[in-house]
Protein backbone atom coordinates (compact mmCIF):
# COMPACT_ATOMS: atom_id res chain seq x y z
CA GLN A 1 0.00 0.00 0.00
CA VAL A 2 1.23 3.48 -0.82
CA GLN A 3 0.84 6.61 1.29
CA LEU A 4 0.67 9.96 -0.46
CA VAL A 5 1.50 13.24 1.24
CA GLU A 6 0.93 16.62 -0.41
CA SER A 7 2.77 19.76 0.60
CA GLY A 8 3.51 23.23 -0.72
CA GLY A 9 0.11 24.85 -0.40
CA GLY A 10 -0.39 28.27 1.09
CA LEU A 11 -1.68 31.79 0.61
CA VAL A 12 -0.54 33.69 -2.46
CA GLN A 13 -1.64 36.82 -4.30
CA ALA A 14 -3.19 36.62 -7.73
CA GLY A 15 -0.49 36.29 -10.36
CA GLY A 16 1.82 34.48 -8.00
CA SER A 17 3.19 30.95 -8.07
CA LEU A 18 3.27 27.85 -5.89
CA ARG A 19 4.77 24.41 -6.34
CA LEU A 20 2.92 21.49 -4.83
CA SER A 21 4.64 18.20 -4.05
CA CYS A 22 3.17 14.73 -3.76
CA ALA A 23 5.53 12.33 -2.03
CA ALA A 24 4.90 8.61 -1.98
CA SER A 25 6.00 6.27 0.76
CA GLY A 26 5.54 2.56 1.34
CA ARG A 27 6.45 1.74 -2.23
CA THR A 28 7.15 3.49 -5.49
CA PHE A 29 4.38 4.96 -7.55
CA SER A 30 2.42 2.54 -9.68
CA ARG A 31 3.28 2.26 -13.35
CA TYR A 32 0.09 3.93 -14.50
CA ALA A 33 -0.50 7.54 -13.55
CA VAL A 34 -0.51 10.15 -10.84
CA GLY A 35 -3.08 12.90 -10.97
CA TRP A 36 -3.79 16.18 -9.27
CA PHE A 37 -7.35 17.13 -8.40
CA ARG A 38 -8.89 20.00 -6.49
CA GLN A 39 -12.03 20.74 -4.56
CA ALA A 40 -13.33 24.21 -3.82
CA PRO A 41 -15.90 24.84 -1.06
CA GLY A 42 -19.34 23.73 -2.13
CA LYS A 43 -18.07 22.18 -5.36
CA GLU A 44 -17.26 18.69 -6.53
CA ARG A 45 -13.70 17.46 -6.76
CA GLU A 46 -12.35 18.10 -10.24
CA PHE A 47 -9.49 17.00 -12.41
CA VAL A 48 -6.49 19.32 -12.72
CA ALA A 49 -3.60 17.42 -14.31
CA VAL A 50 -2.20 13.93 -14.81
CA ILE A 51 1.18 12.44 -15.64
CA ARG A 52 1.36 8.92 -17.00
CA TRP A 53 4.23 6.47 -16.85
CA SER A 54 3.46 5.21 -20.35
CA GLY A 55 5.18 8.20 -21.95
CA SER A 56 1.92 9.77 -23.08
CA PRO A 57 1.88 13.55 -22.84
CA ALA A 58 0.67 15.11 -19.63
CA ASP A 59 -2.96 16.15 -19.66
CA TYR A 60 -4.44 19.31 -18.15
CA ALA A 61 -7.85 20.73 -17.45
CA ASP A 62 -8.69 23.59 -19.80
CA SER A 63 -8.84 25.98 -16.85
CA VAL A 64 -5.15 25.43 -15.99
CA GLU A 65 -3.65 24.67 -19.40
CA GLY A 66 -0.63 26.88 -20.02
CA ARG A 67 -0.35 27.92 -16.36
CA PHE A 68 0.23 24.64 -14.51
CA THR A 69 2.90 22.03 -15.17
CA ILE A 70 2.98 18.51 -13.77
CA SER A 71 6.30 16.68 -13.48
CA ARG A 72 7.89 13.82 -11.60
CA ASP A 73 11.19 12.92 -9.97
CA ASN A 74 11.51 9.15 -9.95
CA ALA A 75 14.57 9.23 -7.69
CA LYS A 76 12.59 11.10 -5.04
CA ASN A 77 9.34 9.22 -5.70
CA THR A 78 7.63 12.58 -5.93
CA VAL A 79 5.25 14.27 -8.36
CA TYR A 80 5.07 18.05 -8.58
CA LEU A 81 2.51 20.58 -9.72
CA GLN A 82 4.02 23.94 -10.63
CA MET A 83 1.28 26.55 -10.59
CA ASN A 84 1.95 29.94 -12.19
CA SER A 85 -0.26 32.97 -12.86
CA LEU A 86 -2.58 31.88 -10.09
CA LYS A 87 -6.12 33.24 -10.02
CA PRO A 88 -8.62 33.51 -7.17
CA GLU A 89 -10.67 30.78 -8.83
CA ASP A 90 -7.75 28.38 -8.29
CA THR A 91 -8.48 28.50 -4.56
CA ALA A 92 -9.19 24.95 -3.40
CA VAL A 93 -7.83 21.96 -1.54
CA TYR A 94 -5.48 20.15 -3.90
CA TYR A 95 -5.15 16.37 -3.80
CA CYS A 96 -2.80 13.99 -5.52
CA ALA A 97 -3.86 10.47 -6.31
CA GLU A 98 -2.36 7.30 -7.71
CA GLY A 99 -4.16 5.76 -10.63
CA SER A 100 -5.12 2.15 -11.21
CA SER A 101 -4.88 0.51 -14.60
CA GLY A 102 -8.09 2.30 -15.52
CA SER A 103 -6.27 5.62 -15.39
CA TYR A 104 -4.48 4.66 -18.60
CA TYR A 105 -7.79 4.94 -20.47
CA ARG A 106 -9.69 7.48 -18.38
CA PRO A 107 -7.06 9.66 -16.69
CA ARG A 108 -9.58 12.38 -15.79
CA ASP A 109 -11.99 10.02 -14.02
CA LEU A 110 -11.69 10.21 -10.22
CA LYS A 111 -13.04 6.67 -9.90
CA VAL A 112 -9.92 5.11 -11.42
CA TYR A 113 -7.68 6.49 -8.71
CA ASP A 114 -7.16 4.15 -5.76
CA TYR A 115 -4.99 6.08 -3.32
CA TRP A 116 -5.38 9.70 -2.28
CA GLY A 117 -3.41 12.12 -0.16
CA GLN A 118 -4.94 14.24 2.58
CA GLY A 119 -4.85 17.42 0.52
CA THR A 120 -3.14 20.78 0.78
CA GLN A 121 -4.93 24.13 0.86
CA VAL A 122 -4.20 26.71 -1.83
CA THR A 123 -5.68 30.16 -1.34
CA VAL A 124 -5.26 32.88 -3.96
CA SER A 125 -6.19 36.40 -2.90
CA SER A 126 -7.32 39.07 -5.35
């Protein structure tokens, strides 16, 4: 079983940047995918970005395309989410999750992710 721990959240002004980290312990990440999701108050959890071990290009939600970048460091067993040009509407709790084999086909579907971190709060002030 893998444990995922997010870090790097905080309070930032609009236009600023943050880098979130998702560190895995217990074992290495699965060979499928790791995704980032977010949930704002009163809203459903939504897809943000995914990185797949198959070599397929990273995938991003339209709302963050061009501003966010997902990457991984295999040596550190960590996945990152670099967030630039942050907007107030990016305010949410951000979660990382490890995908099952289903994430290869449906990387944006929350249901195909088996393990989740506890989340890290990102607040963007206007």
